[in-house]
């Protein structure tokens, strides 16, 4: 990572967030209108995985490449991580509903790892004031 890597993260995250949020709105609309198909759920899962993995990849690099902390806005990134983790909880709840109603052949409870976004969680606890109990 270079000194402008936080800017790189922001740009990559923003582009994928826009795509993710657009699809999320579409999924909710289709769910409410009862027009949601299994293929919509799979498409949502793929795009959501891409969206959440961006933060996890940057978090991994921060935790493993100490020299990148010089110039990387790690506290701002950690605050972003906290917000993304809050969103991830809602994502998992929605995903469970979607799988239970549209893809019953796969037990999502067995597919979701309790260790998901562990690097993101570690960065939040280590560098964000939002991630630490008062």
N, C-alpha and C. Protein backbone atom coordinates (compact mmCIF):
# COMPACT_ATOMS: atom_id res chain seq x y z
N UNK A 1 0.84 -1.18 0.00
CA UNK A 1 0.00 0.00 0.00
C UNK A 1 0.88 1.23 0.00
N UNK A 2 0.45 2.19 -0.70
CA UNK A 2 1.19 3.45 -0.72
C UNK A 2 0.52 4.43 0.23
N UNK A 3 1.09 5.61 0.34
CA UNK A 3 0.55 6.60 1.26
C UNK A 3 -0.87 7.03 0.90
N UNK A 4 -1.25 6.88 -0.36
CA UNK A 4 -2.61 7.26 -0.74
C UNK A 4 -3.54 6.05 -0.76
N UNK A 5 -3.19 5.00 -0.07
CA UNK A 5 -3.98 3.78 -0.12
C UNK A 5 -5.36 3.95 0.51
N UNK A 6 -5.50 4.88 1.47
CA UNK A 6 -6.83 5.11 2.02
C UNK A 6 -7.73 5.68 0.94
N UNK A 7 -7.20 6.55 0.11
CA UNK A 7 -7.96 7.08 -1.02
C UNK A 7 -8.33 5.95 -1.96
N UNK A 8 -7.41 5.04 -2.20
CA UNK A 8 -7.69 3.87 -3.05
C UNK A 8 -8.82 3.05 -2.46
N UNK A 9 -8.76 2.82 -1.14
CA UNK A 9 -9.84 2.08 -0.47
C UNK A 9 -11.16 2.80 -0.65
N UNK A 10 -11.17 4.12 -0.39
CA UNK A 10 -12.41 4.89 -0.48
C UNK A 10 -13.02 4.80 -1.88
N UNK A 11 -12.17 4.90 -2.89
CA UNK A 11 -12.66 4.84 -4.27
C UNK A 11 -13.22 3.46 -4.60
N UNK A 12 -12.48 2.42 -4.25
CA UNK A 12 -12.91 1.05 -4.53
C UNK A 12 -14.18 0.73 -3.74
N UNK A 13 -14.19 1.12 -2.48
CA UNK A 13 -15.35 0.86 -1.63
C UNK A 13 -16.58 1.61 -2.14
N UNK A 14 -16.43 2.87 -2.50
CA UNK A 14 -17.55 3.68 -2.96
C UNK A 14 -18.18 3.09 -4.22
N UNK A 15 -17.34 2.68 -5.16
CA UNK A 15 -17.86 2.11 -6.41
C UNK A 15 -18.64 0.83 -6.14
N UNK A 16 -18.12 -0.03 -5.30
CA UNK A 16 -18.79 -1.28 -5.00
C UNK A 16 -20.00 -1.08 -4.10
N UNK A 17 -19.94 -0.08 -3.23
CA UNK A 17 -21.08 0.21 -2.36
C UNK A 17 -22.27 0.67 -3.18
N UNK A 18 -22.00 1.50 -4.17
CA UNK A 18 -23.06 1.99 -5.05
C UNK A 18 -23.76 0.80 -5.74
N UNK A 19 -22.99 -0.11 -6.26
CA UNK A 19 -23.54 -1.29 -6.93
C UNK A 19 -24.30 -2.17 -5.93
N UNK A 20 -23.71 -2.38 -4.76
CA UNK A 20 -24.34 -3.21 -3.72
C UNK A 20 -25.66 -2.60 -3.26
N UNK A 21 -25.66 -1.31 -2.96
CA UNK A 21 -26.87 -0.65 -2.47
C UNK A 21 -27.98 -0.66 -3.52
N UNK A 22 -27.61 -0.47 -4.77
CA UNK A 22 -28.59 -0.52 -5.85
C UNK A 22 -29.24 -1.90 -5.92
N UNK A 23 -28.42 -2.93 -5.86
CA UNK A 23 -28.95 -4.29 -5.90
C UNK A 23 -29.77 -4.60 -4.64
N UNK A 24 -29.32 -4.12 -3.50
CA UNK A 24 -30.05 -4.33 -2.24
C UNK A 24 -31.45 -3.74 -2.34
N UNK A 25 -31.56 -2.53 -2.86
CA UNK A 25 -32.88 -1.89 -3.02
C UNK A 25 -33.76 -2.71 -3.96
N UNK A 26 -33.15 -3.21 -5.03
CA UNK A 26 -33.89 -4.05 -5.98
C UNK A 26 -34.37 -5.34 -5.32
N UNK A 27 -33.51 -5.96 -4.52
CA UNK A 27 -33.86 -7.20 -3.83
C UNK A 27 -35.02 -6.96 -2.87
N UNK A 28 -34.95 -5.88 -2.10
CA UNK A 28 -36.01 -5.55 -1.14
C UNK A 28 -37.32 -5.29 -1.87
N UNK A 29 -37.25 -4.57 -2.97
CA UNK A 29 -38.44 -4.28 -3.76
C UNK A 29 -39.06 -5.58 -4.29
N UNK A 30 -38.23 -6.43 -4.86
CA UNK A 30 -38.74 -7.71 -5.38
C UNK A 30 -39.29 -8.59 -4.25
N UNK A 31 -38.64 -8.56 -3.12
CA UNK A 31 -39.11 -9.34 -1.97
C UNK A 31 -40.48 -8.84 -1.54
N UNK A 32 -40.63 -7.52 -1.43
CA UNK A 32 -41.90 -6.93 -1.03
C UNK A 32 -43.01 -7.18 -2.04
N UNK A 33 -42.64 -7.20 -3.32
CA UNK A 33 -43.62 -7.44 -4.40
C UNK A 33 -43.81 -8.92 -4.69
N UNK A 34 -43.11 -9.75 -3.97
CA UNK A 34 -43.15 -11.21 -4.13
C UNK A 34 -42.80 -11.65 -5.54
N UNK A 35 -41.80 -10.96 -6.14
CA UNK A 35 -41.32 -11.33 -7.48
C UNK A 35 -39.88 -11.82 -7.43
N UNK A 36 -39.36 -12.01 -6.25
CA UNK A 36 -37.96 -12.42 -6.06
C UNK A 36 -37.76 -13.86 -6.51
N UNK A 37 -36.69 -14.09 -7.27
CA UNK A 37 -36.35 -15.42 -7.75
C UNK A 37 -35.05 -15.88 -7.10
N UNK A 38 -34.79 -17.17 -7.13
CA UNK A 38 -33.55 -17.72 -6.59
C UNK A 38 -32.33 -17.10 -7.27
N UNK A 39 -32.41 -16.84 -8.56
CA UNK A 39 -31.28 -16.24 -9.28
C UNK A 39 -30.97 -14.84 -8.77
N UNK A 40 -32.00 -14.11 -8.34
CA UNK A 40 -31.79 -12.78 -7.74
C UNK A 40 -31.02 -12.89 -6.44
N UNK A 41 -31.35 -13.90 -5.65
CA UNK A 41 -30.67 -14.11 -4.37
C UNK A 41 -29.20 -14.45 -4.59
N UNK A 42 -28.93 -15.31 -5.55
CA UNK A 42 -27.55 -15.70 -5.86
C UNK A 42 -26.76 -14.49 -6.36
N UNK A 43 -27.37 -13.68 -7.22
CA UNK A 43 -26.71 -12.47 -7.72
C UNK A 43 -26.41 -11.51 -6.57
N UNK A 44 -27.37 -11.34 -5.67
CA UNK A 44 -27.16 -10.50 -4.50
C UNK A 44 -26.01 -11.03 -3.65
N UNK A 45 -25.99 -12.31 -3.42
CA UNK A 45 -24.94 -12.92 -2.60
C UNK A 45 -23.56 -12.67 -3.22
N UNK A 46 -23.44 -12.84 -4.52
CA UNK A 46 -22.15 -12.62 -5.20
C UNK A 46 -21.69 -11.17 -5.08
N UNK A 47 -22.58 -10.22 -5.31
CA UNK A 47 -22.19 -8.80 -5.24
C UNK A 47 -21.92 -8.37 -3.80
N UNK A 48 -22.69 -8.89 -2.87
CA UNK A 48 -22.47 -8.57 -1.46
C UNK A 48 -21.13 -9.12 -0.99
N UNK A 49 -20.80 -10.32 -1.41
CA UNK A 49 -19.52 -10.92 -1.05
C UNK A 49 -18.37 -10.06 -1.56
N UNK A 50 -18.49 -9.59 -2.79
CA UNK A 50 -17.46 -8.70 -3.36
C UNK A 50 -17.36 -7.41 -2.55
N UNK A 51 -18.49 -6.83 -2.20
CA UNK A 51 -18.53 -5.59 -1.44
C UNK A 51 -17.85 -5.74 -0.08
N UNK A 52 -18.23 -6.77 0.67
CA UNK A 52 -17.68 -6.95 2.01
C UNK A 52 -16.23 -7.41 2.00
N UNK A 53 -15.81 -8.09 0.95
CA UNK A 53 -14.43 -8.59 0.91
C UNK A 53 -13.41 -7.47 0.69
N UNK A 54 -13.81 -6.35 0.14
CA UNK A 54 -12.89 -5.23 -0.06
C UNK A 54 -12.32 -4.78 1.28
N UNK A 55 -13.19 -4.57 2.24
CA UNK A 55 -12.74 -4.14 3.57
C UNK A 55 -11.89 -5.20 4.23
N UNK A 56 -12.29 -6.45 4.09
CA UNK A 56 -11.53 -7.54 4.70
C UNK A 56 -10.12 -7.61 4.10
N UNK A 57 -10.00 -7.42 2.79
CA UNK A 57 -8.68 -7.45 2.15
C UNK A 57 -7.79 -6.31 2.64
N UNK A 58 -8.33 -5.11 2.72
CA UNK A 58 -7.54 -3.98 3.23
C UNK A 58 -7.17 -4.20 4.69
N UNK A 59 -8.10 -4.72 5.48
CA UNK A 59 -7.82 -4.99 6.89
C UNK A 59 -6.70 -6.00 7.04
N UNK A 60 -6.73 -7.03 6.24
CA UNK A 60 -5.67 -8.05 6.28
C UNK A 60 -4.32 -7.41 6.00
N UNK A 61 -4.28 -6.56 4.99
CA UNK A 61 -3.02 -5.92 4.64
C UNK A 61 -2.53 -4.99 5.75
N UNK A 62 -3.43 -4.28 6.38
CA UNK A 62 -3.05 -3.39 7.48
C UNK A 62 -2.44 -4.18 8.63
N UNK A 63 -3.07 -5.28 8.98
CA UNK A 63 -2.62 -6.09 10.11
C UNK A 63 -1.31 -6.82 9.83
N UNK A 64 -1.02 -7.07 8.55
CA UNK A 64 0.17 -7.85 8.21
C UNK A 64 1.33 -7.05 7.64
N UNK A 65 1.09 -5.82 7.27
CA UNK A 65 2.14 -4.99 6.68
C UNK A 65 2.26 -3.71 7.50
N UNK A 66 2.95 -3.78 8.60
CA UNK A 66 3.03 -2.67 9.55
C UNK A 66 3.49 -1.36 8.92
N UNK A 67 4.38 -1.44 7.92
CA UNK A 67 4.92 -0.22 7.34
C UNK A 67 3.86 0.61 6.62
N UNK A 68 2.75 0.01 6.24
CA UNK A 68 1.74 0.77 5.52
C UNK A 68 0.98 1.72 6.42
N UNK A 69 1.11 1.57 7.71
CA UNK A 69 0.39 2.46 8.61
C UNK A 69 0.91 3.89 8.54
N UNK A 70 2.13 4.09 8.05
CA UNK A 70 2.66 5.44 7.85
C UNK A 70 1.89 6.06 6.68
N UNK A 71 1.04 7.00 6.92
CA UNK A 71 0.34 7.67 5.84
C UNK A 71 -1.02 7.09 5.53
N UNK A 72 -1.35 5.93 6.07
CA UNK A 72 -2.68 5.38 5.85
C UNK A 72 -3.59 5.90 6.96
N UNK A 73 -4.72 6.42 6.62
CA UNK A 73 -5.65 6.99 7.60
C UNK A 73 -6.35 5.86 8.34
N UNK A 74 -5.58 5.17 9.17
CA UNK A 74 -6.07 3.93 9.78
C UNK A 74 -7.24 4.17 10.72
N UNK A 75 -7.28 5.27 11.43
CA UNK A 75 -8.41 5.53 12.32
C UNK A 75 -9.70 5.76 11.53
N UNK A 76 -9.60 6.50 10.43
CA UNK A 76 -10.76 6.70 9.57
C UNK A 76 -11.20 5.38 8.94
N UNK A 77 -10.23 4.60 8.51
CA UNK A 77 -10.54 3.28 7.94
C UNK A 77 -11.22 2.41 8.99
N UNK A 78 -10.71 2.42 10.21
CA UNK A 78 -11.28 1.60 11.28
C UNK A 78 -12.72 2.02 11.58
N UNK A 79 -12.99 3.31 11.53
CA UNK A 79 -14.36 3.78 11.72
C UNK A 79 -15.25 3.30 10.57
N UNK A 80 -14.71 3.30 9.35
CA UNK A 80 -15.45 2.74 8.21
C UNK A 80 -15.72 1.26 8.45
N UNK A 81 -14.73 0.55 8.96
CA UNK A 81 -14.88 -0.89 9.25
C UNK A 81 -16.03 -1.12 10.23
N UNK A 82 -16.10 -0.28 11.26
CA UNK A 82 -17.16 -0.41 12.25
C UNK A 82 -18.54 -0.29 11.57
N UNK A 83 -18.71 0.71 10.73
CA UNK A 83 -19.98 0.90 10.03
C UNK A 83 -20.28 -0.27 9.10
N UNK A 84 -19.27 -0.77 8.44
CA UNK A 84 -19.45 -1.91 7.53
C UNK A 84 -19.84 -3.16 8.30
N UNK A 85 -19.26 -3.36 9.48
CA UNK A 85 -19.62 -4.51 10.30
C UNK A 85 -21.08 -4.41 10.75
N UNK A 86 -21.54 -3.21 11.07
CA UNK A 86 -22.95 -3.04 11.42
C UNK A 86 -23.85 -3.43 10.25
N UNK A 87 -23.44 -3.03 9.06
CA UNK A 87 -24.18 -3.37 7.86
C UNK A 87 -24.14 -4.87 7.60
N UNK A 88 -23.01 -5.49 7.89
CA UNK A 88 -22.85 -6.93 7.65
C UNK A 88 -23.83 -7.74 8.49
N UNK A 89 -24.08 -7.31 9.70
CA UNK A 89 -25.04 -8.01 10.56
C UNK A 89 -26.42 -7.99 9.90
N UNK A 90 -26.83 -6.84 9.40
CA UNK A 90 -28.12 -6.73 8.71
C UNK A 90 -28.13 -7.57 7.43
N UNK A 91 -27.01 -7.57 6.73
CA UNK A 91 -26.87 -8.36 5.50
C UNK A 91 -27.10 -9.84 5.81
N UNK A 92 -26.50 -10.35 6.86
CA UNK A 92 -26.64 -11.76 7.21
C UNK A 92 -28.08 -12.08 7.58
N UNK A 93 -28.73 -11.20 8.32
CA UNK A 93 -30.14 -11.42 8.67
C UNK A 93 -31.01 -11.49 7.41
N UNK A 94 -30.78 -10.56 6.47
CA UNK A 94 -31.53 -10.58 5.22
C UNK A 94 -31.22 -11.83 4.43
N UNK A 95 -29.95 -12.18 4.35
CA UNK A 95 -29.54 -13.35 3.59
C UNK A 95 -30.21 -14.62 4.13
N UNK A 96 -30.28 -14.74 5.42
CA UNK A 96 -30.95 -15.90 6.02
C UNK A 96 -32.42 -15.96 5.60
N UNK A 97 -33.09 -14.81 5.63
CA UNK A 97 -34.49 -14.77 5.20
C UNK A 97 -34.63 -15.18 3.74
N UNK A 98 -33.75 -14.63 2.89
CA UNK A 98 -33.82 -14.92 1.46
C UNK A 98 -33.54 -16.38 1.17
N UNK A 99 -32.55 -16.94 1.84
CA UNK A 99 -32.23 -18.35 1.62
C UNK A 99 -33.35 -19.24 2.14
N UNK A 100 -33.90 -18.91 3.29
CA UNK A 100 -34.98 -19.73 3.86
C UNK A 100 -36.21 -19.75 2.96
N UNK A 101 -36.44 -18.64 2.25
CA UNK A 101 -37.64 -18.56 1.42
C UNK A 101 -37.41 -18.91 -0.05
N UNK A 102 -36.15 -18.82 -0.53
CA UNK A 102 -35.94 -19.00 -1.97
C UNK A 102 -34.90 -20.05 -2.34
N UNK A 103 -34.04 -20.42 -1.43
CA UNK A 103 -33.01 -21.42 -1.75
C UNK A 103 -32.95 -22.41 -0.57
N UNK A 104 -33.97 -23.19 -0.47
CA UNK A 104 -34.08 -24.10 0.67
C UNK A 104 -33.16 -25.31 0.55
N UNK A 105 -32.55 -25.48 -0.60
CA UNK A 105 -31.65 -26.64 -0.79
C UNK A 105 -30.30 -26.43 -0.09
N UNK A 106 -30.02 -25.21 0.33
CA UNK A 106 -28.76 -24.91 1.01
C UNK A 106 -29.09 -24.37 2.40
N UNK A 107 -28.48 -24.96 3.41
CA UNK A 107 -28.65 -24.46 4.78
C UNK A 107 -27.63 -23.36 5.01
N UNK A 108 -28.07 -22.13 4.97
CA UNK A 108 -27.18 -20.98 5.10
C UNK A 108 -26.51 -20.94 6.47
N UNK A 109 -27.16 -21.47 7.48
CA UNK A 109 -26.55 -21.49 8.82
C UNK A 109 -25.23 -22.24 8.80
N UNK A 110 -25.12 -23.26 7.97
CA UNK A 110 -23.87 -23.99 7.85
C UNK A 110 -22.89 -23.31 6.90
N UNK A 111 -23.38 -22.44 6.04
CA UNK A 111 -22.53 -21.78 5.05
C UNK A 111 -21.88 -20.50 5.57
N UNK A 112 -22.45 -19.91 6.60
CA UNK A 112 -21.92 -18.65 7.14
C UNK A 112 -20.92 -18.97 8.23
N UNK A 113 -19.75 -18.43 8.07
CA UNK A 113 -18.69 -18.65 9.05
C UNK A 113 -18.76 -17.63 10.16
N UNK A 114 -18.57 -18.09 11.38
CA UNK A 114 -18.50 -17.17 12.51
C UNK A 114 -17.23 -16.34 12.45
N UNK A 115 -16.30 -16.74 11.60
CA UNK A 115 -15.04 -16.03 11.49
C UNK A 115 -15.04 -15.05 10.32
N UNK A 116 -16.19 -14.80 9.73
CA UNK A 116 -16.28 -13.85 8.62
C UNK A 116 -15.84 -12.47 9.07
N UNK A 117 -15.10 -11.81 8.24
CA UNK A 117 -14.63 -10.45 8.47
C UNK A 117 -13.81 -10.31 9.76
N UNK A 118 -13.05 -11.33 10.10
CA UNK A 118 -12.27 -11.29 11.34
C UNK A 118 -11.21 -10.20 11.31
N UNK A 119 -10.57 -10.00 10.17
CA UNK A 119 -9.56 -8.93 10.09
C UNK A 119 -10.21 -7.57 10.24
N UNK A 120 -11.38 -7.41 9.66
CA UNK A 120 -12.12 -6.16 9.79
C UNK A 120 -12.49 -5.92 11.24
N UNK A 121 -12.88 -6.97 11.93
CA UNK A 121 -13.20 -6.85 13.36
C UNK A 121 -11.96 -6.47 14.16
N UNK A 122 -10.84 -7.08 13.85
CA UNK A 122 -9.59 -6.77 14.57
C UNK A 122 -9.16 -5.32 14.36
N UNK A 123 -9.25 -4.84 13.14
CA UNK A 123 -8.89 -3.44 12.86
C UNK A 123 -9.81 -2.50 13.62
N UNK A 124 -11.09 -2.82 13.67
CA UNK A 124 -12.05 -1.98 14.39
C UNK A 124 -11.70 -1.90 15.87
N UNK A 125 -11.45 -3.04 16.47
CA UNK A 125 -11.14 -3.06 17.91
C UNK A 125 -9.82 -2.35 18.19
N UNK A 126 -8.85 -2.55 17.32
CA UNK A 126 -7.52 -1.99 17.55
C UNK A 126 -7.43 -0.48 17.28
N UNK A 127 -8.14 0.01 16.27
CA UNK A 127 -7.92 1.39 15.83
C UNK A 127 -9.14 2.32 15.88
N UNK A 128 -10.33 1.81 16.17
CA UNK A 128 -11.51 2.66 16.17
C UNK A 128 -12.03 2.86 17.58
N UNK A 129 -12.35 4.09 17.92
CA UNK A 129 -12.98 4.36 19.21
C UNK A 129 -14.42 3.87 19.22
N UNK A 130 -15.01 3.72 18.04
CA UNK A 130 -16.40 3.24 17.94
C UNK A 130 -16.48 1.76 18.30
N UNK A 131 -15.39 1.04 18.09
CA UNK A 131 -15.39 -0.40 18.32
C UNK A 131 -15.04 -0.81 19.72
N UNK A 132 -14.82 0.15 20.60
CA UNK A 132 -14.40 -0.14 21.96
C UNK A 132 -15.45 0.35 22.95
N UNK A 133 -15.84 -0.51 23.85
CA UNK A 133 -16.84 -0.12 24.85
C UNK A 133 -16.26 0.95 25.77
N UNK A 134 -17.08 1.98 26.05
CA UNK A 134 -16.72 3.16 26.79
C UNK A 134 -16.11 2.91 28.09
